[in-house]
N, C-alpha and C. Protein backbone atom coordinates (compact mmCIF):
# COMPACT_ATOMS: atom_id res chain seq x y z
N UNK A 1 -26.65 21.49 -48.42
CA UNK A 1 -26.27 22.34 -49.24
C UNK A 1 -25.63 21.83 -50.44
N UNK A 2 -25.78 22.39 -51.64
CA UNK A 2 -25.26 21.65 -52.85
C UNK A 2 -23.69 21.67 -52.89
N UNK A 3 -23.10 22.96 -52.37
CA UNK A 3 -21.80 23.30 -52.37
C UNK A 3 -21.20 22.02 -51.48
N UNK A 4 -21.74 22.03 -50.27
CA UNK A 4 -20.93 21.23 -49.42
C UNK A 4 -21.07 19.64 -50.07
N UNK A 5 -21.91 19.34 -50.66
CA UNK A 5 -22.15 18.09 -51.23
C UNK A 5 -20.99 17.80 -52.38
N UNK A 6 -20.93 18.94 -53.14
CA UNK A 6 -20.03 19.00 -54.32
C UNK A 6 -18.70 18.68 -53.50
N UNK A 7 -18.13 19.61 -52.62
CA UNK A 7 -16.93 19.27 -51.53
C UNK A 7 -16.58 17.96 -51.26
N UNK A 8 -17.48 17.32 -50.58
CA UNK A 8 -17.66 15.94 -50.35
C UNK A 8 -17.22 15.03 -51.34
N UNK A 9 -18.13 15.04 -52.32
CA UNK A 9 -18.03 14.04 -53.61
C UNK A 9 -16.67 14.28 -54.05
N UNK A 10 -15.96 15.31 -54.00
CA UNK A 10 -14.78 15.56 -54.74
C UNK A 10 -13.59 15.08 -53.70
N UNK A 11 -13.99 15.25 -52.60
CA UNK A 11 -12.77 14.64 -51.45
C UNK A 11 -12.79 13.17 -51.68
N UNK A 12 -13.87 12.66 -51.53
CA UNK A 12 -14.25 11.19 -51.63
C UNK A 12 -13.47 10.55 -52.81
N UNK A 13 -13.74 11.14 -53.94
CA UNK A 13 -12.96 10.67 -55.24
C UNK A 13 -11.56 10.93 -55.09
N UNK A 14 -11.29 12.06 -54.64
CA UNK A 14 -9.67 12.24 -54.63
C UNK A 14 -9.11 11.23 -53.63
N UNK A 15 -9.87 10.97 -52.43
CA UNK A 15 -8.96 9.79 -51.36
C UNK A 15 -9.14 8.58 -51.93
N UNK A 16 -10.41 8.00 -52.74
CA UNK A 16 -10.45 6.75 -53.35
C UNK A 16 -9.20 6.68 -54.33
N UNK A 17 -9.35 7.71 -55.11
CA UNK A 17 -7.91 7.55 -56.09
C UNK A 17 -6.60 7.71 -55.67
N UNK A 18 -6.53 8.38 -54.67
CA UNK A 18 -5.01 8.27 -53.61
C UNK A 18 -4.96 6.95 -53.35
N UNK A 19 -5.82 6.37 -52.64
CA UNK A 19 -5.80 5.02 -52.12
C UNK A 19 -5.09 4.00 -53.19
N UNK A 20 -6.18 4.08 -54.24
CA UNK A 20 -5.75 2.95 -55.49
C UNK A 20 -4.41 3.38 -56.32
N UNK A 21 -4.03 4.62 -56.17
CA UNK A 21 -3.04 4.83 -56.92
C UNK A 21 -1.51 4.03 -55.89
N UNK A 22 -1.85 4.60 -54.80
CA UNK A 22 -0.91 4.17 -53.65
C UNK A 22 -0.86 2.62 -53.43
N UNK A 23 -1.82 1.88 -53.86
CA UNK A 23 -1.66 0.40 -53.57
C UNK A 23 -1.84 -0.26 -54.70
N UNK A 24 -1.63 0.12 -56.06
CA UNK A 24 -1.62 -0.29 -57.10
C UNK A 24 -2.86 -1.11 -57.20
N UNK A 25 -4.11 -0.46 -57.01
CA UNK A 25 -5.60 -1.27 -57.03
C UNK A 25 -6.59 -0.65 -57.78
N UNK A 26 -7.60 -1.19 -58.12
CA UNK A 26 -8.92 -0.48 -58.57
C UNK A 26 -10.03 -0.57 -57.71
N UNK A 27 -10.14 0.13 -56.64
CA UNK A 27 -11.30 -0.05 -56.08
C UNK A 27 -12.32 0.74 -56.74
N UNK A 28 -13.64 0.59 -56.80
CA UNK A 28 -14.78 1.43 -56.93
C UNK A 28 -15.52 1.82 -55.92
N UNK A 29 -16.06 2.95 -56.03
CA UNK A 29 -16.97 3.47 -54.71
C UNK A 29 -17.72 2.15 -54.10
N UNK A 30 -18.41 1.56 -54.99
CA UNK A 30 -19.43 0.19 -54.46
C UNK A 30 -18.49 -0.48 -53.72
N UNK A 31 -17.14 -0.82 -53.91
CA UNK A 31 -16.34 -1.51 -53.27
C UNK A 31 -16.04 -1.43 -51.68
N UNK A 32 -16.11 -0.06 -51.61
CA UNK A 32 -15.73 0.56 -50.19
C UNK A 32 -16.87 1.45 -49.58
N UNK A 33 -17.78 1.08 -50.16
CA UNK A 33 -19.14 1.75 -49.61
C UNK A 33 -19.32 1.54 -48.08
N UNK A 34 -19.15 0.74 -47.65
CA UNK A 34 -19.42 0.65 -46.10
C UNK A 34 -18.41 1.48 -45.01
N UNK A 35 -16.82 1.23 -45.54
CA UNK A 35 -15.83 2.10 -45.07
C UNK A 35 -16.17 3.73 -45.12
N UNK A 36 -16.42 4.01 -46.33
CA UNK A 36 -17.04 5.20 -46.32
C UNK A 36 -17.95 5.84 -45.92
N UNK A 37 -19.27 5.27 -45.53
CA UNK A 37 -20.39 5.68 -44.72
C UNK A 37 -20.01 5.91 -43.31
N UNK A 38 -18.88 4.70 -42.83
CA UNK A 38 -18.43 5.04 -41.63
C UNK A 38 -17.48 6.32 -41.40
N UNK A 39 -16.87 6.51 -42.28
CA UNK A 39 -16.02 7.88 -42.37
C UNK A 39 -16.93 9.10 -42.20
N UNK A 40 -17.97 8.90 -43.02
CA UNK A 40 -18.80 10.25 -43.12
C UNK A 40 -19.78 10.38 -41.98
N UNK A 41 -19.93 9.21 -41.53
CA UNK A 41 -20.93 9.43 -39.97
C UNK A 41 -19.84 10.11 -38.83
N UNK A 42 -18.35 9.75 -39.14
CA UNK A 42 -17.39 10.37 -38.21
C UNK A 42 -17.33 11.64 -38.45
N UNK A 43 -17.10 12.11 -39.81
CA UNK A 43 -17.11 13.53 -40.29
C UNK A 43 -18.20 14.20 -39.81
N UNK A 44 -19.38 13.75 -39.82
CA UNK A 44 -20.52 14.71 -39.58
C UNK A 44 -20.54 15.08 -38.24
N UNK A 45 -20.09 13.92 -37.47
CA UNK A 45 -20.00 14.05 -35.90
C UNK A 45 -18.90 15.11 -35.31
N UNK A 46 -17.87 14.99 -36.13
CA UNK A 46 -16.97 16.09 -36.01
C UNK A 46 -17.29 17.55 -36.29
N UNK A 47 -17.82 17.78 -37.52
CA UNK A 47 -18.43 18.75 -37.89
C UNK A 47 -19.34 19.52 -36.89
N UNK A 48 -20.15 18.49 -36.11
CA UNK A 48 -20.93 19.21 -35.11
C UNK A 48 -20.31 19.75 -34.00
N UNK A 49 -19.14 18.57 -33.37
CA UNK A 49 -18.46 18.82 -32.46
C UNK A 49 -17.64 20.14 -32.40
N UNK A 50 -16.95 20.22 -33.62
CA UNK A 50 -16.01 21.47 -33.92
C UNK A 50 -16.81 22.88 -34.05
N UNK A 51 -18.09 22.47 -34.53
CA UNK A 51 -18.71 23.59 -35.33
C UNK A 51 -18.11 24.27 -36.37
N UNK A 52 -17.52 23.54 -37.22
CA UNK A 52 -16.84 23.84 -38.43
C UNK A 52 -17.66 23.64 -39.72
N UNK A 53 -17.29 24.09 -40.93
CA UNK A 53 -17.77 24.02 -42.25
C UNK A 53 -17.25 22.97 -42.95
N UNK A 54 -17.85 22.20 -43.72
CA UNK A 54 -17.28 21.12 -44.69
C UNK A 54 -16.05 21.78 -45.36
N UNK A 55 -15.92 22.78 -45.84
CA UNK A 55 -15.04 23.19 -46.37
C UNK A 55 -13.77 23.33 -45.65
N UNK A 56 -13.88 24.08 -44.43
CA UNK A 56 -12.60 24.03 -43.31
C UNK A 56 -12.22 22.76 -43.08
N UNK A 57 -13.15 21.46 -43.20
CA UNK A 57 -12.74 20.18 -42.51
C UNK A 57 -12.24 19.11 -43.72
N UNK A 58 -12.16 19.90 -44.96
CA UNK A 58 -11.80 18.80 -46.06
C UNK A 58 -10.47 17.92 -45.65
N UNK A 59 -9.57 18.53 -45.06
CA UNK A 59 -8.24 17.81 -44.68
C UNK A 59 -8.68 16.90 -43.96
N UNK A 60 -9.35 16.95 -42.98
CA UNK A 60 -9.96 15.83 -42.04
C UNK A 60 -10.73 14.83 -42.64
N UNK A 61 -11.47 15.23 -43.60
CA UNK A 61 -12.04 13.99 -44.31
C UNK A 61 -11.21 13.36 -45.19
N UNK A 62 -10.28 14.11 -46.01
CA UNK A 62 -9.16 13.11 -46.84
C UNK A 62 -8.20 12.42 -45.75
N UNK A 63 -7.89 12.61 -44.76
CA UNK A 63 -7.15 11.86 -43.86
C UNK A 63 -7.92 10.61 -43.56
N UNK A 64 -9.25 11.04 -43.00
CA UNK A 64 -9.86 9.91 -42.37
C UNK A 64 -10.18 8.92 -43.51
N UNK A 65 -10.31 9.13 -44.96
CA UNK A 65 -10.65 8.18 -45.92
C UNK A 65 -9.34 7.55 -46.13
N UNK A 66 -8.38 7.98 -45.93
CA UNK A 66 -6.98 7.30 -46.36
C UNK A 66 -6.96 6.47 -45.31
N UNK A 67 -7.05 6.61 -43.86
CA UNK A 67 -7.04 5.89 -43.09
C UNK A 67 -7.88 4.73 -42.84
N UNK A 68 -9.10 4.75 -43.25
CA UNK A 68 -9.94 3.88 -43.29
C UNK A 68 -9.96 2.82 -44.26
N UNK A 69 -9.35 3.21 -45.40
CA UNK A 69 -9.13 2.31 -46.62
C UNK A 69 -7.97 1.66 -46.56
């Protein structure tokens, strides 16, 4: 669904920006693509396991991104 993709994109970009600001770096999405793919796979599995919506799990996604980067 387009709405879910927009939410995921927004959280990915916010997470990357938060990491860059916290560590005074400038990583682009291309620089962390493998880490983000790993996060997204775990996120998808968690969505299915908990039977939750993307909107409900935004916080989990943000924490996962910060932890992975």
